[in-house]
């Protein structure tokens, strides 16, 4: 079977007349006069020249159509999980150093939110029930007067600690969360809160 070819009107290169090289013309039957590669380059050049203006227009549209935008994005993510993951992986690979710096900077400014996200992720990986927000965790810290739930020391970097560990069937609801110091969080391991208190009391008696 002989495949027709066409000379692109932009790059003047002859390429096979297939969907790999030419897009279909939506207004007329047949293929576009310029190849896909040239069309993409044209769009990239235009986008870089009009980047700031395009950002303003996109922001205006988004603010006027928030619910519509969220619904469209949700539908696309649901229908294109593999494609979305591939895009994320490629983007991370291209901008790895930048992404790491941004993540570190955000984590330093939002320590409580980072902890809540980290614990939510752990809960999902263990299929644990429930979620808690950074606001709920902040309320828990306030209720504890900014002191560790177990040893009573001042909390420099509060850690969201599960009274009943996820590994032992604990939930990720705020009712199962206390604020602890890094030392108690590390020492507690997979003990329940009662087991850990007994362990601490026993250790203190032996001192």
Protein backbone atom coordinates (compact mmCIF):
# COMPACT_ATOMS: atom_id res chain seq x y z
CA UNK A 1 0.00 0.00 0.00
CA UNK A 2 1.43 3.37 -1.07
CA UNK A 3 1.18 6.12 1.57
CA UNK A 4 0.78 9.64 0.23
CA UNK A 5 3.09 12.38 1.42
CA UNK A 6 2.86 16.13 1.75
CA UNK A 7 5.34 18.99 1.96
CA UNK A 8 4.76 21.02 5.12
CA UNK A 9 4.07 24.70 4.33
CA UNK A 10 6.23 25.83 7.25
CA UNK A 11 9.33 23.61 7.38
CA UNK A 12 9.14 22.56 3.68
CA UNK A 13 9.90 18.96 4.61
CA UNK A 14 8.06 16.11 2.92
CA UNK A 15 6.38 13.81 5.43
CA UNK A 16 3.94 10.87 5.18
CA UNK A 17 0.31 11.99 5.11
CA UNK A 18 -0.67 10.19 8.31
CA UNK A 19 -2.01 11.21 11.72
CA UNK A 20 1.48 10.76 13.12
CA UNK A 21 2.68 13.78 11.13
CA UNK A 22 -0.45 15.79 10.19
CA UNK A 23 -3.64 16.67 12.05
CA UNK A 24 -7.03 16.40 10.41
CA UNK A 25 -8.62 19.61 9.18
CA UNK A 26 -11.83 20.15 11.13
CA UNK A 27 -13.34 22.57 8.60
CA UNK A 28 -12.50 20.70 5.41
CA UNK A 29 -11.98 17.07 4.57
CA UNK A 30 -8.36 15.93 4.64
CA UNK A 31 -5.22 16.95 6.53
CA UNK A 32 -3.75 20.27 7.64
CA UNK A 33 -1.18 21.98 5.41
CA UNK A 34 1.42 22.18 8.19
CA UNK A 35 2.82 19.24 10.14
CA UNK A 36 2.16 18.56 13.81
CA UNK A 37 5.75 19.30 14.82
CA UNK A 38 5.63 22.78 13.25
CA UNK A 39 2.23 23.49 14.77
CA UNK A 40 3.55 22.61 18.22
CA UNK A 41 6.59 24.83 17.71
CA UNK A 42 4.34 27.70 16.62
CA UNK A 43 2.23 27.32 19.76
CA UNK A 44 5.31 27.16 22.03
CA UNK A 45 6.78 30.29 20.46
CA UNK A 46 3.47 32.13 20.78
CA UNK A 47 3.00 30.98 24.37
CA UNK A 48 6.45 32.15 25.48
CA UNK A 49 5.92 35.53 23.82
CA UNK A 50 2.49 35.97 25.42
CA UNK A 51 3.11 34.08 28.66
CA UNK A 52 2.20 36.84 31.12
CA UNK A 53 -0.90 37.91 29.19
CA UNK A 54 -2.05 34.31 28.92
CA UNK A 55 -1.57 33.81 32.67
CA UNK A 56 -3.77 36.84 33.39
CA UNK A 57 -6.50 35.59 31.05
CA UNK A 58 -6.36 32.10 32.54
CA UNK A 59 -6.60 33.49 36.08
CA UNK A 60 -9.60 35.66 35.18
CA UNK A 61 -11.37 32.69 33.58
CA UNK A 62 -10.54 30.46 36.55
CA UNK A 63 -11.90 32.97 39.09
CA UNK A 64 -15.13 33.22 37.08
CA UNK A 65 -15.46 29.46 36.57
CA UNK A 66 -13.98 27.79 39.66
CA UNK A 67 -16.56 25.02 40.04
CA UNK A 68 -16.55 24.28 36.31
CA UNK A 69 -12.75 24.16 36.27
CA UNK A 70 -12.57 21.82 39.28
CA UNK A 71 -15.20 19.52 37.76
CA UNK A 72 -13.41 19.41 34.40
CA UNK A 73 -10.07 18.68 36.05
CA UNK A 74 -11.60 15.97 38.23
CA UNK A 75 -13.22 14.28 35.21
CA UNK A 76 -9.98 14.41 33.25
CA UNK A 77 -7.89 13.02 36.14
CA UNK A 78 -10.37 10.18 36.66
CA UNK A 79 -10.43 9.29 32.96
CA UNK A 80 -6.67 9.66 32.43
CA UNK A 81 -4.97 8.29 35.54
CA UNK A 82 -2.04 6.68 33.69
CA UNK A 83 -1.50 9.72 31.48
CA UNK A 84 -1.66 12.05 34.50
CA UNK A 85 0.92 9.94 36.36
CA UNK A 86 3.20 9.92 33.31
CA UNK A 87 2.95 13.72 32.96
CA UNK A 88 3.76 14.11 36.67
CA UNK A 89 6.78 11.80 36.41
CA UNK A 90 8.15 13.61 33.35
CA UNK A 91 7.60 17.03 34.93
CA UNK A 92 9.36 15.90 38.13
CA UNK A 93 12.29 14.52 36.12
CA UNK A 94 12.67 17.78 34.15
CA UNK A 95 12.46 20.06 37.18
CA UNK A 96 13.73 17.78 39.95
CA UNK A 97 16.06 20.23 41.69
CA UNK A 98 13.50 23.04 41.54
CA UNK A 99 10.71 20.79 42.88
CA UNK A 100 12.88 19.62 45.79
CA UNK A 101 13.76 23.20 46.77
CA UNK A 102 10.10 24.26 46.55
CA UNK A 103 8.98 21.27 48.63
CA UNK A 104 11.61 21.92 51.31
CA UNK A 105 10.75 25.63 51.46
CA UNK A 106 7.01 24.90 51.71
CA UNK A 107 7.58 22.28 54.39
CA UNK A 108 9.60 24.70 56.51
CA UNK A 109 6.86 27.35 56.29
CA UNK A 110 3.98 24.90 56.78
CA UNK A 111 5.25 22.31 59.27
CA UNK A 112 1.84 21.44 60.74
CA UNK A 113 0.22 21.11 57.31
CA UNK A 114 3.12 18.94 56.16
CA UNK A 115 2.64 16.62 59.14
CA UNK A 116 -1.10 16.35 58.47
CA UNK A 117 -0.45 15.49 54.81
CA UNK A 118 2.24 12.97 55.77
CA UNK A 119 -0.04 11.20 58.21
CA UNK A 120 -2.93 11.22 55.73
CA UNK A 121 -0.66 9.53 53.20
CA UNK A 122 0.43 6.89 55.72
CA UNK A 123 -3.21 6.28 56.57
CA UNK A 124 -4.15 5.82 52.92
CA UNK A 125 -1.29 3.40 52.32
CA UNK A 126 -2.51 1.33 55.26
CA UNK A 127 -6.17 1.74 54.23
CA UNK A 128 -6.89 3.39 57.58
CA UNK A 129 -10.25 4.99 58.19
CA UNK A 130 -10.63 8.75 58.67
CA UNK A 131 -8.75 11.99 58.09
CA UNK A 132 -7.84 15.06 60.12
CA UNK A 133 -7.03 18.61 59.05
CA UNK A 134 -4.20 20.93 60.05
CA UNK A 135 -6.80 23.08 61.85
CA UNK A 136 -7.92 20.09 63.95
CA UNK A 137 -4.29 19.25 64.74
CA UNK A 138 -3.61 22.85 65.75
CA UNK A 139 -6.62 22.67 68.07
CA UNK A 140 -5.20 19.50 69.62
CA UNK A 141 -1.85 21.27 70.24
CA UNK A 142 -3.71 24.17 71.88
CA UNK A 143 -5.67 21.75 74.09
CA UNK A 144 -2.35 20.25 75.23
CA UNK A 145 -0.94 23.74 75.99
CA UNK A 146 1.81 23.12 73.42
CA UNK A 147 3.18 20.26 75.56
CA UNK A 148 3.97 16.68 74.53
CA UNK A 149 1.06 14.35 75.36
CA UNK A 150 3.44 11.75 76.82
CA UNK A 151 6.40 13.44 78.52
CA UNK A 152 5.07 16.99 78.95
CA UNK A 153 8.03 18.75 77.32
CA UNK A 154 7.48 21.90 75.23
CA UNK A 155 6.70 21.07 71.61
CA UNK A 156 9.28 22.63 69.30
CA UNK A 157 8.15 20.63 66.27
CA UNK A 158 4.81 18.96 67.13
CA UNK A 159 4.31 15.51 65.62
CA UNK A 160 0.87 14.02 65.01
CA UNK A 161 0.97 10.73 66.91
CA UNK A 162 -1.62 7.93 66.71
CA UNK A 163 -2.67 6.70 70.16
CA UNK A 164 -3.60 3.38 68.59
CA UNK A 165 -1.05 2.87 65.76
CA UNK A 166 -2.25 2.49 62.17
CA UNK A 167 -0.34 -0.80 62.06
CA UNK A 168 -2.62 -2.10 64.79
CA UNK A 169 -5.90 -0.96 63.30
CA UNK A 170 -6.01 2.60 64.59
CA UNK A 171 -7.97 5.23 62.70
CA UNK A 172 -6.77 8.53 61.28
CA UNK A 173 -9.56 10.56 62.90
CA UNK A 174 -8.49 13.42 65.16
CA UNK A 175 -9.92 11.48 68.15
CA UNK A 176 -6.98 9.05 67.73
CA UNK A 177 -4.39 11.83 67.32
CA UNK A 178 -2.27 13.55 69.95
CA UNK A 179 0.67 15.93 69.63
CA UNK A 180 3.99 14.50 70.75
CA UNK A 181 7.67 15.37 70.65
CA UNK A 182 10.02 13.63 68.22
CA UNK A 183 11.63 11.58 71.01
CA UNK A 184 8.35 10.09 72.28
CA UNK A 185 7.10 9.51 68.75
CA UNK A 186 10.25 7.53 67.96
CA UNK A 187 10.27 5.59 71.25
CA UNK A 188 6.59 4.68 71.15
CA UNK A 189 6.83 2.69 67.91
CA UNK A 190 3.75 0.47 67.51
CA UNK A 191 2.74 0.58 71.20
CA UNK A 192 -0.67 1.96 72.11
CA UNK A 193 -0.79 5.10 74.23
CA UNK A 194 -1.53 3.04 77.37
CA UNK A 195 1.27 0.57 76.64
CA UNK A 196 3.71 3.41 76.07
CA UNK A 197 2.75 5.15 79.31
CA UNK A 198 3.29 1.88 81.18
CA UNK A 199 6.64 1.47 79.43
CA UNK A 200 7.66 5.01 80.44
CA UNK A 201 6.55 4.49 84.05
CA UNK A 202 8.49 1.25 84.23
CA UNK A 203 11.60 2.84 82.74
CA UNK A 204 11.40 5.75 85.21
CA UNK A 205 11.19 3.33 88.17
CA UNK A 206 14.38 1.61 87.05
CA UNK A 207 16.34 4.87 86.91
